[in-house]
């Protein structure tokens, strides 16, 4: 009864990639910079080899640990491209981005379909834009549409003005429009609540992703009857394809609790989790202290998860991109993924992002990986 547990620490990059300059990310080094600017104790992550990965004295790795860095070959530096690549889909071209807002051939059909105009249509901070335009939205009923440096079309609406199911319907309309040359990685519902001067996002965010353009390791596992459980936004990233159980948690605390529960109960198969707060809460807000506290919570969780592993199990922690909270930028950064694992050949391993899915597939089926990636020991 073999199990593989992949836990993606969203945004926890491990140093700039060789092509970081093309993305404006020279000098980004998310994990190292957070550790240098905090005194957070991470004994379990150090045991997995964190210090060796980031090049800091953080103790000696456990003899059973496998650790290193994983290169992202595909274009882009966002959640979708990073997770797809883990599962064997390597993109040659990045998703489109809109530094000047979306063009008329996107916005005009969208406004016709929802029967009203929109506010903003520019790159913006998600929290800042509801502070700036929340009152106008409440008065007019017009949604706040905005983007970022990532390939996203985001729609923010107050839950008392636009019901959440209606907001989701508008996102589905946008997803249908954003095809071909405008095929952004994600359309994101951003509901918020509260009163003027105190607006806050609610937990009912929902992502509407593109379908992966080819088969993923999740698809292949599903075809072979191997159970796949997604925690966090895994189900959304893969549009539920190849995911048998979608445990849709919306923060790290709930995600960690879900992972613990599934490790206690899952007899066999893949447990694939995303812990989003490093990205959406601390990274984008340049909150180093919050980021460090989040790492401490994961460290404590590793102390719980490790005894739950059985003979033959694999536990692998990695990331999808960086989001260095110590730089002036509040956007994602083009970085290596850390590799911190148990249940594989111990020692240093430096490979590629797609090796994550290849390893899960090989361990769970006994077959050679047919998609990009090499099985790790």
Foldseek 3Di string as FASTA:
>chain_A
DEEEEEEAAAFQFAFFDPCQVVVVFPPFGAPLVLVVVDVFQQLQLVLLPPCVANVHPNDDHNQQHEWYWAAQPADDFDDLQLVQLQFFFGHNDAADDDQAFDDCLQQVVLCVVLVHHAPDRHADDPVVVCLVCVVVCQVPVHWHWHGHRAQETETEHECVSAPPVRLVVSLVVSCVSCDDNRQGAWYKYFYWYDDRPDIDTDLPIDIAGDARPDDTLLQVCVVVVAAEDEEACPCRSNVNRSHPHYNHDRAQVVRLVVVLVCLQPPPYHYYYYYHPCLQPPPLLQLNSVVNSVSSSVVSVSSVSNVVSDDQNYKYWYKYRFHRRSVDPHSDTGHRIIIIRMGNFNDDYDYYHSNQNSQQRSCSRPVDHDPGDHHHGD
